């Protein structure tokens, strides 16, 4: 039996189990940490956006992949 960590919710994934919530919390915490570290040394908004972009895209891509692999598929 497979444990579903996420449930499809439109285009997004909603955590339904503890490992799913943990993955979401870790991804959000990483994103906040990257934002504060990059923003501390940025001189403009564009500096911040260029600095966080590769980290955020990578982190949320991995999260999306994990969620898609461990999600419950809706009944068709």
N, C-alpha and C. Protein backbone atom coordinates (compact mmCIF):
# COMPACT_ATOMS: atom_id res chain seq x y z
N UNK A 1 0.84 -1.18 0.00
CA UNK A 1 0.00 0.00 0.00
C UNK A 1 0.88 1.25 0.00
N UNK A 2 0.51 2.20 -0.82
CA UNK A 2 1.28 3.41 -0.99
C UNK A 2 0.69 4.54 -0.15
N UNK A 3 1.54 5.23 0.60
CA UNK A 3 1.09 6.37 1.39
C UNK A 3 1.14 7.61 0.51
N UNK A 4 0.03 8.29 0.40
CA UNK A 4 -0.03 9.53 -0.38
C UNK A 4 0.32 10.71 0.51
N UNK A 5 1.34 11.45 0.13
CA UNK A 5 1.77 12.62 0.88
C UNK A 5 0.98 13.85 0.49
N UNK A 6 0.53 13.90 -0.76
CA UNK A 6 -0.15 15.08 -1.29
C UNK A 6 -1.42 14.67 -2.00
N UNK A 7 -2.29 15.66 -2.21
CA UNK A 7 -3.49 15.46 -3.00
C UNK A 7 -3.53 16.58 -4.04
N UNK A 8 -3.85 16.21 -5.28
CA UNK A 8 -3.95 17.23 -6.32
C UNK A 8 -5.06 18.20 -5.96
N UNK A 9 -4.79 19.47 -6.15
CA UNK A 9 -5.72 20.53 -5.79
C UNK A 9 -5.65 21.58 -6.90
N UNK A 10 -6.35 21.32 -7.99
CA UNK A 10 -6.22 22.17 -9.17
C UNK A 10 -4.86 21.95 -9.80
N UNK A 11 -4.12 23.03 -9.97
CA UNK A 11 -2.75 22.94 -10.50
C UNK A 11 -1.73 22.75 -9.39
N UNK A 12 -2.15 22.82 -8.16
CA UNK A 12 -1.25 22.74 -7.01
C UNK A 12 -1.40 21.40 -6.32
N UNK A 13 -0.60 21.20 -5.29
CA UNK A 13 -0.67 20.00 -4.47
C UNK A 13 -0.83 20.42 -3.02
N UNK A 14 -1.76 19.76 -2.34
CA UNK A 14 -2.04 20.05 -0.94
C UNK A 14 -1.51 18.90 -0.10
N UNK A 15 -0.69 19.18 0.93
CA UNK A 15 -0.19 18.09 1.78
C UNK A 15 -1.32 17.46 2.58
N UNK A 16 -1.31 16.13 2.65
CA UNK A 16 -2.34 15.41 3.41
C UNK A 16 -1.72 14.46 4.44
N UNK A 17 -0.39 14.38 4.47
CA UNK A 17 0.29 13.50 5.42
C UNK A 17 1.49 14.25 6.00
N UNK A 18 1.99 13.76 7.10
CA UNK A 18 3.11 14.41 7.78
C UNK A 18 4.33 14.61 6.88
N UNK A 19 4.77 13.62 6.09
CA UNK A 19 5.92 13.88 5.22
C UNK A 19 5.67 14.99 4.20
N UNK A 20 4.44 15.12 3.74
CA UNK A 20 4.10 16.20 2.82
C UNK A 20 4.19 17.56 3.48
N UNK A 21 3.67 17.65 4.70
CA UNK A 21 3.76 18.90 5.44
C UNK A 21 5.21 19.26 5.74
N UNK A 22 6.01 18.25 6.08
CA UNK A 22 7.42 18.49 6.36
C UNK A 22 8.14 18.99 5.10
N UNK A 23 7.86 18.41 3.95
CA UNK A 23 8.46 18.86 2.70
C UNK A 23 8.08 20.31 2.40
N UNK A 24 6.81 20.65 2.62
CA UNK A 24 6.35 22.02 2.38
C UNK A 24 7.02 23.00 3.33
N UNK A 25 7.08 22.65 4.60
CA UNK A 25 7.69 23.54 5.60
C UNK A 25 9.17 23.75 5.31
N UNK A 26 9.88 22.68 4.94
CA UNK A 26 11.30 22.81 4.62
C UNK A 26 11.53 23.66 3.38
N UNK A 27 10.68 23.51 2.38
CA UNK A 27 10.83 24.31 1.16
C UNK A 27 10.55 25.78 1.43
N UNK A 28 9.53 26.07 2.22
CA UNK A 28 9.23 27.46 2.57
C UNK A 28 10.34 28.05 3.42
N UNK A 29 10.84 27.29 4.40
CA UNK A 29 11.93 27.77 5.25
C UNK A 29 13.18 28.05 4.43
N UNK A 30 13.50 27.17 3.48
CA UNK A 30 14.65 27.39 2.61
C UNK A 30 14.46 28.66 1.77
N UNK A 31 13.26 28.86 1.25
CA UNK A 31 12.98 30.03 0.42
C UNK A 31 13.12 31.32 1.23
N UNK A 32 12.62 31.32 2.45
CA UNK A 32 12.73 32.50 3.32
C UNK A 32 14.19 32.78 3.66
N UNK A 33 14.94 31.72 3.97
CA UNK A 33 16.36 31.88 4.31
C UNK A 33 17.14 32.44 3.13
N UNK A 34 16.89 31.94 1.94
CA UNK A 34 17.57 32.45 0.75
C UNK A 34 17.20 33.90 0.51
N UNK A 35 15.92 34.24 0.65
CA UNK A 35 15.49 35.62 0.44
C UNK A 35 16.19 36.57 1.41
N UNK A 36 16.24 36.23 2.69
CA UNK A 36 16.87 37.13 3.66
C UNK A 36 18.37 37.26 3.42
N UNK A 37 19.03 36.15 3.04
CA UNK A 37 20.47 36.21 2.79
C UNK A 37 20.78 37.04 1.55
N UNK A 38 20.01 36.88 0.50
CA UNK A 38 20.26 37.63 -0.74
C UNK A 38 19.86 39.09 -0.56
N UNK A 39 18.72 39.34 0.07
CA UNK A 39 18.23 40.70 0.22
C UNK A 39 19.14 41.54 1.10
N UNK A 40 19.82 40.91 2.02
CA UNK A 40 20.72 41.63 2.92
C UNK A 40 21.82 42.35 2.15
N UNK A 41 22.25 41.79 1.03
CA UNK A 41 23.37 42.36 0.27
C UNK A 41 22.94 42.97 -1.06
N UNK A 42 21.66 43.06 -1.31
CA UNK A 42 21.17 43.61 -2.57
C UNK A 42 21.03 45.12 -2.49
N UNK A 43 21.19 45.74 -3.66
CA UNK A 43 21.07 47.20 -3.72
C UNK A 43 19.75 47.63 -4.33
N UNK A 44 19.03 46.69 -4.92
CA UNK A 44 17.75 47.03 -5.54
C UNK A 44 16.84 45.80 -5.56
N UNK A 45 15.61 46.03 -5.94
CA UNK A 45 14.66 44.93 -6.04
C UNK A 45 15.11 43.94 -7.10
N UNK A 46 15.62 44.45 -8.21
CA UNK A 46 16.06 43.55 -9.28
C UNK A 46 17.25 42.71 -8.84
N UNK A 47 18.14 43.25 -8.03
CA UNK A 47 19.25 42.46 -7.48
C UNK A 47 18.70 41.29 -6.65
N UNK A 48 17.71 41.57 -5.84
CA UNK A 48 17.10 40.52 -5.01
C UNK A 48 16.44 39.46 -5.88
N UNK A 49 15.67 39.88 -6.88
CA UNK A 49 14.99 38.92 -7.74
C UNK A 49 15.97 38.06 -8.53
N UNK A 50 17.01 38.69 -9.07
CA UNK A 50 18.02 37.91 -9.80
C UNK A 50 18.77 36.96 -8.86
N UNK A 51 18.94 37.35 -7.62
CA UNK A 51 19.66 36.52 -6.66
C UNK A 51 18.86 35.32 -6.18
N UNK A 52 17.57 35.50 -5.96
CA UNK A 52 16.77 34.40 -5.41
C UNK A 52 16.25 33.47 -6.49
N UNK A 53 16.15 33.96 -7.73
CA UNK A 53 15.52 33.19 -8.80
C UNK A 53 16.06 31.77 -8.95
N UNK A 54 17.38 31.56 -9.09
CA UNK A 54 17.84 30.18 -9.30
C UNK A 54 17.58 29.26 -8.12
N UNK A 55 17.65 29.78 -6.92
CA UNK A 55 17.41 28.96 -5.73
C UNK A 55 15.94 28.61 -5.58
N UNK A 56 15.07 29.60 -5.77
CA UNK A 56 13.64 29.36 -5.62
C UNK A 56 13.12 28.45 -6.71
N UNK A 57 13.53 28.66 -7.94
CA UNK A 57 13.06 27.80 -9.03
C UNK A 57 13.49 26.36 -8.79
N UNK A 58 14.73 26.17 -8.38
CA UNK A 58 15.23 24.82 -8.11
C UNK A 58 14.47 24.16 -6.96
N UNK A 59 14.30 24.89 -5.87
CA UNK A 59 13.63 24.33 -4.69
C UNK A 59 12.18 23.98 -4.99
N UNK A 60 11.46 24.87 -5.66
CA UNK A 60 10.04 24.61 -5.93
C UNK A 60 9.84 23.59 -7.04
N UNK A 61 10.82 23.47 -7.92
CA UNK A 61 10.76 22.41 -8.94
C UNK A 61 10.91 21.04 -8.28
N UNK A 62 11.85 20.92 -7.37
CA UNK A 62 12.03 19.65 -6.64
C UNK A 62 10.79 19.35 -5.81
N UNK A 63 10.23 20.36 -5.16
CA UNK A 63 9.01 20.17 -4.39
C UNK A 63 7.85 19.71 -5.28
N UNK A 64 7.69 20.33 -6.43
CA UNK A 64 6.64 19.94 -7.36
C UNK A 64 6.81 18.53 -7.87
N UNK A 65 8.06 18.15 -8.16
CA UNK A 65 8.34 16.79 -8.60
C UNK A 65 8.00 15.79 -7.50
N UNK A 66 8.43 16.08 -6.28
CA UNK A 66 8.14 15.20 -5.15
C UNK A 66 6.64 15.08 -4.93
N UNK A 67 5.94 16.20 -4.99
CA UNK A 67 4.50 16.19 -4.78
C UNK A 67 3.79 15.40 -5.88
N UNK A 68 4.24 15.53 -7.11
CA UNK A 68 3.59 14.80 -8.19
C UNK A 68 3.83 13.30 -8.10
N UNK A 69 4.98 12.90 -7.58
CA UNK A 69 5.30 11.49 -7.45
C UNK A 69 4.62 10.83 -6.25
N UNK A 70 4.22 11.61 -5.26
CA UNK A 70 3.63 11.03 -4.05
C UNK A 70 2.20 11.52 -3.82
N UNK A 71 1.51 11.89 -4.89
CA UNK A 71 0.15 12.43 -4.74
C UNK A 71 -0.91 11.40 -5.10
N UNK A 72 -2.08 11.62 -4.54
CA UNK A 72 -3.25 10.79 -4.88
C UNK A 72 -3.86 11.37 -6.15
N UNK A 73 -4.09 10.53 -7.10
CA UNK A 73 -4.69 10.96 -8.36
C UNK A 73 -6.20 11.03 -8.17
N UNK A 74 -6.84 12.10 -8.69
CA UNK A 74 -8.30 12.19 -8.55
C UNK A 74 -8.98 11.11 -9.41
N UNK A 75 -10.12 10.68 -8.98
CA UNK A 75 -10.89 9.68 -9.73
C UNK A 75 -11.46 10.30 -10.99
N UNK A 76 -11.22 9.65 -12.12
CA UNK A 76 -11.70 10.19 -13.39
C UNK A 76 -12.97 9.49 -13.81
